[in-house]
PDB file of N, CA and C in Angstrom:
ATOM      1  N   MET A   1     -23.186 -38.245 -42.514  1.00  0.00           N
ATOM      2  CA  MET A   1     -22.439 -37.903 -43.723  1.00  0.00           C
ATOM      3  C   MET A   1     -22.049 -36.430 -43.640  1.00  0.00           C
ATOM      4  N   ASN A   2     -20.815 -36.144 -43.400  1.00  0.00           N
ATOM      5  CA  ASN A   2     -20.311 -34.790 -43.213  1.00  0.00           C
ATOM      6  C   ASN A   2     -20.463 -33.936 -44.464  1.00  0.00           C
ATOM      7  N   GLN A   3     -20.330 -34.548 -45.625  1.00  0.00           N
ATOM      8  CA  GLN A   3     -20.447 -33.810 -46.885  1.00  0.00           C
ATOM      9  C   GLN A   3     -21.813 -33.154 -47.003  1.00  0.00           C
ATOM     10  N   VAL A   4     -22.868 -33.875 -46.628  1.00  0.00           N
ATOM     11  CA  VAL A   4     -24.220 -33.332 -46.700  1.00  0.00           C
ATOM     12  C   VAL A   4     -24.344 -32.133 -45.781  1.00  0.00           C
ATOM     13  N   HIS A   5     -23.774 -32.230 -44.601  1.00  0.00           N
ATOM     14  CA  HIS A   5     -23.810 -31.114 -43.649  1.00  0.00           C
ATOM     15  C   HIS A   5     -23.150 -29.876 -44.251  1.00  0.00           C
ATOM     16  N   GLU A   6     -22.032 -30.054 -44.918  1.00  0.00           N
ATOM     17  CA  GLU A   6     -21.348 -28.929 -45.564  1.00  0.00           C
ATOM     18  C   GLU A   6     -22.178 -28.360 -46.702  1.00  0.00           C
ATOM     19  N   LEU A   7     -22.830 -29.208 -47.465  1.00  0.00           N
ATOM     20  CA  LEU A   7     -23.665 -28.748 -48.575  1.00  0.00           C
ATOM     21  C   LEU A   7     -24.863 -27.953 -48.056  1.00  0.00           C
ATOM     22  N   GLU A   8     -25.407 -28.364 -46.913  1.00  0.00           N
ATOM     23  CA  GLU A   8     -26.548 -27.662 -46.337  1.00  0.00           C
ATOM     24  C   GLU A   8     -26.218 -26.227 -45.966  1.00  0.00           C
ATOM     25  N   LYS A   9     -24.969 -25.955 -45.660  1.00  0.00           N
ATOM     26  CA  LYS A   9     -24.534 -24.606 -45.270  1.00  0.00           C
ATOM     27  C   LYS A   9     -24.412 -23.667 -46.474  1.00  0.00           C
ATOM     28  N   MET A  10     -24.349 -24.217 -47.671  1.00  0.00           N
ATOM     29  CA  MET A  10     -24.120 -23.410 -48.873  1.00  0.00           C
ATOM     30  C   MET A  10     -25.405 -22.755 -49.361  1.00  0.00           C
ATOM     31  N   THR A  11     -25.234 -21.557 -49.921  1.00  0.00           N
ATOM     32  CA  THR A  11     -26.356 -20.894 -50.578  1.00  0.00           C
ATOM     33  C   THR A  11     -26.553 -21.532 -51.951  1.00  0.00           C
ATOM     34  N   ASP A  12     -27.663 -21.190 -52.599  1.00  0.00           N
ATOM     35  CA  ASP A  12     -27.907 -21.722 -53.945  1.00  0.00           C
ATOM     36  C   ASP A  12     -26.803 -21.311 -54.904  1.00  0.00           C
ATOM     37  N   GLU A  13     -26.319 -20.086 -54.776  1.00  0.00           N
ATOM     38  CA  GLU A  13     -25.236 -19.610 -55.655  1.00  0.00           C
ATOM     39  C   GLU A  13     -23.949 -20.392 -55.400  1.00  0.00           C
ATOM     40  N   GLU A  14     -23.650 -20.653 -54.148  1.00  0.00           N
ATOM     41  CA  GLU A  14     -22.450 -21.424 -53.815  1.00  0.00           C
ATOM     42  C   GLU A  14     -22.565 -22.856 -54.331  1.00  0.00           C
ATOM     43  N   LEU A  15     -23.753 -23.431 -54.238  1.00  0.00           N
ATOM     44  CA  LEU A  15     -23.959 -24.781 -54.764  1.00  0.00           C
ATOM     45  C   LEU A  15     -23.749 -24.809 -56.269  1.00  0.00           C
ATOM     46  N   LEU A  16     -24.224 -23.771 -56.958  1.00  0.00           N
ATOM     47  CA  LEU A  16     -24.038 -23.674 -58.400  1.00  0.00           C
ATOM     48  C   LEU A  16     -22.549 -23.577 -58.748  1.00  0.00           C
ATOM     49  N   GLU A  17     -21.822 -22.742 -58.038  1.00  0.00           N
ATOM     50  CA  GLU A  17     -20.383 -22.591 -58.275  1.00  0.00           C
ATOM     51  C   GLU A  17     -19.632 -23.884 -57.958  1.00  0.00           C
ATOM     52  N   TYR A  18     -20.027 -24.553 -56.906  1.00  0.00           N
ATOM     53  CA  TYR A  18     -19.404 -25.824 -56.541  1.00  0.00           C
ATOM     54  C   TYR A  18     -19.643 -26.858 -57.641  1.00  0.00           C
ATOM     55  N   GLY A  19     -20.854 -26.888 -58.173  1.00  0.00           N
ATOM     56  CA  GLY A  19     -21.177 -27.789 -59.277  1.00  0.00           C
ATOM     57  C   GLY A  19     -20.326 -27.492 -60.499  1.00  0.00           C
ATOM     58  N   LYS A  20     -20.121 -26.208 -60.787  1.00  0.00           N
ATOM     59  CA  LYS A  20     -19.285 -25.821 -61.926  1.00  0.00           C
ATOM     60  C   LYS A  20     -17.838 -26.259 -61.701  1.00  0.00           C
ATOM     61  N   LEU A  21     -17.348 -26.101 -60.473  1.00  0.00           N
ATOM     62  CA  LEU A  21     -15.989 -26.529 -60.140  1.00  0.00           C
ATOM     63  C   LEU A  21     -15.831 -28.032 -60.366  1.00  0.00           C
ATOM     64  N   ILE A  22     -16.802 -28.792 -59.882  1.00  0.00           N
ATOM     65  CA  ILE A  22     -16.750 -30.245 -60.053  1.00  0.00           C
ATOM     66  C   ILE A  22     -16.751 -30.604 -61.534  1.00  0.00           C
ATOM     67  N   ASP A  23     -17.659 -29.998 -62.292  1.00  0.00           N
ATOM     68  CA  ASP A  23     -17.754 -30.299 -63.728  1.00  0.00           C
ATOM     69  C   ASP A  23     -16.467 -29.971 -64.472  1.00  0.00           C
ATOM     70  N   SER A  24     -15.893 -28.808 -64.184  1.00  0.00           N
ATOM     71  CA  SER A  24     -14.664 -28.424 -64.888  1.00  0.00           C
ATOM     72  C   SER A  24     -13.492 -29.306 -64.481  1.00  0.00           C
ATOM     73  N   THR A  25     -13.448 -29.694 -63.215  1.00  0.00           N
ATOM     74  CA  THR A  25     -12.378 -30.585 -62.754  1.00  0.00           C
ATOM     75  C   THR A  25     -12.497 -31.949 -63.426  1.00  0.00           C
ATOM     76  N   ILE A  26     -13.702 -32.473 -63.490  1.00  0.00           N
ATOM     77  CA  ILE A  26     -13.911 -33.766 -64.138  1.00  0.00           C
ATOM     78  C   ILE A  26     -13.537 -33.687 -65.615  1.00  0.00           C
ATOM     79  N   SER A  27     -13.906 -32.611 -66.276  1.00  0.00           N
ATOM     80  CA  SER A  27     -13.546 -32.444 -67.692  1.00  0.00           C
ATOM     81  C   SER A  27     -12.032 -32.441 -67.875  1.00  0.00           C
ATOM     82  N   SER A  28     -11.335 -31.718 -67.014  1.00  0.00           N
ATOM     83  CA  SER A  28      -9.871 -31.675 -67.090  1.00  0.00           C
ATOM     84  C   SER A  28      -9.257 -33.052 -66.847  1.00  0.00           C
ATOM     85  N   LEU A  29      -9.815 -33.764 -65.874  1.00  0.00           N
ATOM     86  CA  LEU A  29      -9.285 -35.089 -65.560  1.00  0.00           C
ATOM     87  C   LEU A  29      -9.527 -36.074 -66.697  1.00  0.00           C
ATOM     88  N   LEU A  30     -10.656 -35.949 -67.367  1.00  0.00           N
ATOM     89  CA  LEU A  30     -10.914 -36.825 -68.513  1.00  0.00           C
ATOM     90  C   LEU A  30      -9.898 -36.575 -69.628  1.00  0.00           C
ATOM     91  N   ILE A  31      -9.559 -35.317 -69.840  1.00  0.00           N
ATOM     92  CA  ILE A  31      -8.537 -34.979 -70.845  1.00  0.00           C
ATOM     93  C   ILE A  31      -7.184 -35.538 -70.417  1.00  0.00           C
ATOM     94  N   GLU A  32      -6.828 -35.340 -69.141  1.00  0.00           N
ATOM     95  CA  GLU A  32      -5.549 -35.839 -68.637  1.00  0.00           C
ATOM     96  C   GLU A  32      -5.481 -37.367 -68.692  1.00  0.00           C
ATOM     97  N   SER A  33      -6.611 -38.027 -68.508  1.00  0.00           N
ATOM     98  CA  SER A  33      -6.605 -39.493 -68.494  1.00  0.00           C
ATOM     99  C   SER A  33      -6.255 -40.066 -69.864  1.00  0.00           C
ATOM    100  N   ARG A  34      -6.366 -39.247 -70.898  1.00  0.00           N
ATOM    101  CA  ARG A  34      -6.014 -39.682 -72.257  1.00  0.00           C
ATOM    102  C   ARG A  34      -4.572 -39.313 -72.621  1.00  0.00           C
ATOM    103  N   SER A  35      -3.840 -38.846 -71.632  1.00  0.00           N
ATOM    104  CA  SER A  35      -2.458 -38.423 -71.854  1.00  0.00           C
ATOM    105  C   SER A  35      -1.594 -39.599 -72.298  1.00  0.00           C
ATOM    106  N   SER A  36      -0.577 -39.282 -73.062  1.00  0.00           N
ATOM    107  CA  SER A  36       0.358 -40.327 -73.495  1.00  0.00           C
ATOM    108  C   SER A  36       1.307 -40.720 -72.363  1.00  0.00           C
ATOM    109  N   SER A  37       1.352 -39.913 -71.314  1.00  0.00           N
ATOM    110  CA  SER A  37       2.172 -40.235 -70.150  1.00  0.00           C
ATOM    111  C   SER A  37       1.391 -41.174 -69.227  1.00  0.00           C
ATOM    112  N   PRO A  38       1.887 -42.391 -69.024  1.00  0.00           N
ATOM    113  CA  PRO A  38       1.176 -43.343 -68.159  1.00  0.00           C
ATOM    114  C   PRO A  38       0.981 -42.821 -66.729  1.00  0.00           C
ATOM    115  N   THR A  39       1.981 -42.128 -66.202  1.00  0.00           N
ATOM    116  CA  THR A  39       1.877 -41.597 -64.844  1.00  0.00           C
ATOM    117  C   THR A  39       0.771 -40.557 -64.758  1.00  0.00           C
ATOM    118  N   LYS A  40       0.773 -39.618 -65.677  1.00  0.00           N
ATOM    119  CA  LYS A  40      -0.244 -38.562 -65.685  1.00  0.00           C
ATOM    120  C   LYS A  40      -1.631 -39.156 -65.893  1.00  0.00           C
ATOM    121  N   SER A  41      -1.733 -40.105 -66.778  1.00  0.00           N
ATOM    122  CA  SER A  41      -3.003 -40.759 -67.064  1.00  0.00           C
ATOM    123  C   SER A  41      -3.535 -41.501 -65.838  1.00  0.00           C
ATOM    124  N   ASN A  42      -2.686 -42.256 -65.164  1.00  0.00           N
ATOM    125  CA  ASN A  42      -3.095 -43.007 -63.976  1.00  0.00           C
ATOM    126  C   ASN A  42      -3.493 -42.088 -62.837  1.00  0.00           C
ATOM    127  N   GLN A  43      -2.746 -41.017 -62.639  1.00  0.00           N
ATOM    128  CA  GLN A  43      -3.078 -40.063 -61.579  1.00  0.00           C
ATOM    129  C   GLN A  43      -4.432 -39.414 -61.847  1.00  0.00           C
ATOM    130  N   ALA A  44      -4.690 -39.071 -63.073  1.00  0.00           N
ATOM    131  CA  ALA A  44      -5.971 -38.457 -63.430  1.00  0.00           C
ATOM    132  C   ALA A  44      -7.119 -39.427 -63.156  1.00  0.00           C
ATOM    133  N   ARG A  45      -6.933 -40.683 -63.486  1.00  0.00           N
ATOM    134  CA  ARG A  45      -7.980 -41.683 -63.246  1.00  0.00           C
ATOM    135  C   ARG A  45      -8.250 -41.854 -61.749  1.00  0.00           C
ATOM    136  N   MET A  46      -7.208 -41.832 -60.944  1.00  0.00           N
ATOM    137  CA  MET A  46      -7.375 -41.965 -59.496  1.00  0.00           C
ATOM    138  C   MET A  46      -8.114 -40.743 -58.931  1.00  0.00           C
ATOM    139  N   ARG A  47      -7.759 -39.572 -59.385  1.00  0.00           N
ATOM    140  CA  ARG A  47      -8.423 -38.352 -58.918  1.00  0.00           C
ATOM    141  C   ARG A  47      -9.858 -38.271 -59.437  1.00  0.00           C
ATOM    142  N   PHE A  48     -10.107 -38.845 -60.605  1.00  0.00           N
ATOM    143  CA  PHE A  48     -11.450 -38.833 -61.177  1.00  0.00           C
ATOM    144  C   PHE A  48     -12.458 -39.490 -60.238  1.00  0.00           C
ATOM    145  N   ASP A  49     -12.091 -40.612 -59.632  1.00  0.00           N
ATOM    146  CA  ASP A  49     -12.994 -41.318 -58.719  1.00  0.00           C
ATOM    147  C   ASP A  49     -13.441 -40.412 -57.575  1.00  0.00           C
ATOM    148  N   PHE A  50     -12.503 -39.653 -57.015  1.00  0.00           N
ATOM    149  CA  PHE A  50     -12.818 -38.726 -55.925  1.00  0.00           C
ATOM    150  C   PHE A  50     -13.840 -37.686 -56.375  1.00  0.00           C
ATOM    151  N   TRP A  51     -13.589 -37.061 -57.514  1.00  0.00           N
ATOM    152  CA  TRP A  51     -14.466 -36.004 -57.995  1.00  0.00           C
ATOM    153  C   TRP A  51     -15.796 -36.555 -58.488  1.00  0.00           C
ATOM    154  N   ASP A  52     -15.805 -37.757 -59.007  1.00  0.00           N
ATOM    155  CA  ASP A  52     -17.045 -38.389 -59.412  1.00  0.00           C
ATOM    156  C   ASP A  52     -17.941 -38.622 -58.193  1.00  0.00           C
ATOM    157  N   ARG A  53     -17.339 -39.032 -57.067  1.00  0.00           N
ATOM    158  CA  ARG A  53     -18.106 -39.195 -55.829  1.00  0.00           C
ATOM    159  C   ARG A  53     -18.663 -37.857 -55.362  1.00  0.00           C
ATOM    160  N   LYS A  54     -17.854 -36.798 -55.463  1.00  0.00           N
ATOM    161  CA  LYS A  54     -18.319 -35.458 -55.074  1.00  0.00           C
ATOM    162  C   LYS A  54     -19.516 -35.042 -55.924  1.00  0.00           C
ATOM    163  N   GLN A  55     -19.458 -35.336 -57.214  1.00  0.00           N
ATOM    164  CA  GLN A  55     -20.559 -34.989 -58.106  1.00  0.00           C
ATOM    165  C   GLN A  55     -21.818 -35.780 -57.737  1.00  0.00           C
ATOM    166  N   SER A  56     -21.659 -37.041 -57.419  1.00  0.00           N
ATOM    167  CA  SER A  56     -22.795 -37.875 -57.013  1.00  0.00           C
ATOM    168  C   SER A  56     -23.412 -37.360 -55.717  1.00  0.00           C
ATOM    169  N   GLU A  57     -22.564 -36.987 -54.764  1.00  0.00           N
ATOM    170  CA  GLU A  57     -23.057 -36.445 -53.500  1.00  0.00           C
ATOM    171  C   GLU A  57     -23.844 -35.161 -53.728  1.00  0.00           C
ATOM    172  N   LEU A  58     -23.310 -34.287 -54.573  1.00  0.00           N
ATOM    173  CA  LEU A  58     -23.997 -33.036 -54.867  1.00  0.00           C
ATOM    174  C   LEU A  58     -25.325 -33.305 -55.569  1.00  0.00           C
ATOM    175  N   ASN A  59     -25.319 -34.175 -56.562  1.00  0.00           N
ATOM    176  CA  ASN A  59     -26.550 -34.501 -57.278  1.00  0.00           C
ATOM    177  C   ASN A  59     -27.600 -35.100 -56.344  1.00  0.00           C
ATOM    178  N   ASP A  60     -27.187 -36.002 -55.455  1.00  0.00           N
ATOM    179  CA  ASP A  60     -28.115 -36.598 -54.497  1.00  0.00           C
ATOM    180  C   ASP A  60     -28.686 -35.538 -53.567  1.00  0.00           C
ATOM    181  N   PHE A  61     -27.830 -34.644 -53.097  1.00  0.00           N
ATOM    182  CA  PHE A  61     -28.263 -33.575 -52.214  1.00  0.00           C
ATOM    183  C   PHE A  61     -29.278 -32.672 -52.906  1.00  0.00           C
ATOM    184  N   LEU A  62     -28.964 -32.264 -54.126  1.00  0.00           N
ATOM    185  CA  LEU A  62     -29.850 -31.375 -54.865  1.00  0.00           C
ATOM    186  C   LEU A  62     -31.181 -32.053 -55.191  1.00  0.00           C
ATOM    187  N   TYR A  63     -31.155 -33.338 -55.470  1.00  0.00           N
ATOM    188  CA  TYR A  63     -32.383 -34.088 -55.760  1.00  0.00           C
ATOM    189  C   TYR A  63     -33.289 -34.117 -54.523  1.00  0.00           C
ATOM    190  N   LYS A  64     -32.686 -34.374 -53.363  1.00  0.00           N
ATOM    191  CA  LYS A  64     -33.458 -34.433 -52.121  1.00  0.00           C
ATOM    192  C   LYS A  64     -33.946 -33.038 -51.712  1.00  0.00           C
ATOM    193  N   LYS A  65     -33.142 -32.034 -52.020  1.00  0.00           N
ATOM    194  CA  LYS A  65     -33.484 -30.650 -51.663  1.00  0.00           C
ATOM    195  C   LYS A  65     -34.644 -30.150 -52.521  1.00  0.00           C
ATOM    196  N   GLY A  66     -34.619 -30.520 -53.815  1.00  0.00           N
ATOM    197  CA  GLY A  66     -35.571 -29.997 -54.780  1.00  0.00           C
ATOM    198  C   GLY A  66     -36.881 -30.668 -54.692  1.00  0.00           C
TER     199      GLY A  66
END
């Protein structure tokens, strides 16, 4: 799993910042998914899956690390 290898290279501060990036991106996508524009809403939902996986990977990594 290449993602885990990349996470292992990060410092604790970088992991914290990465977590904040993921959280803020997911929050933005949730807002966009409620858009009245069907195109914007659908695109946000598709991107949400990607970022949700990133959040799960980070959480799993941090759980195993801790």
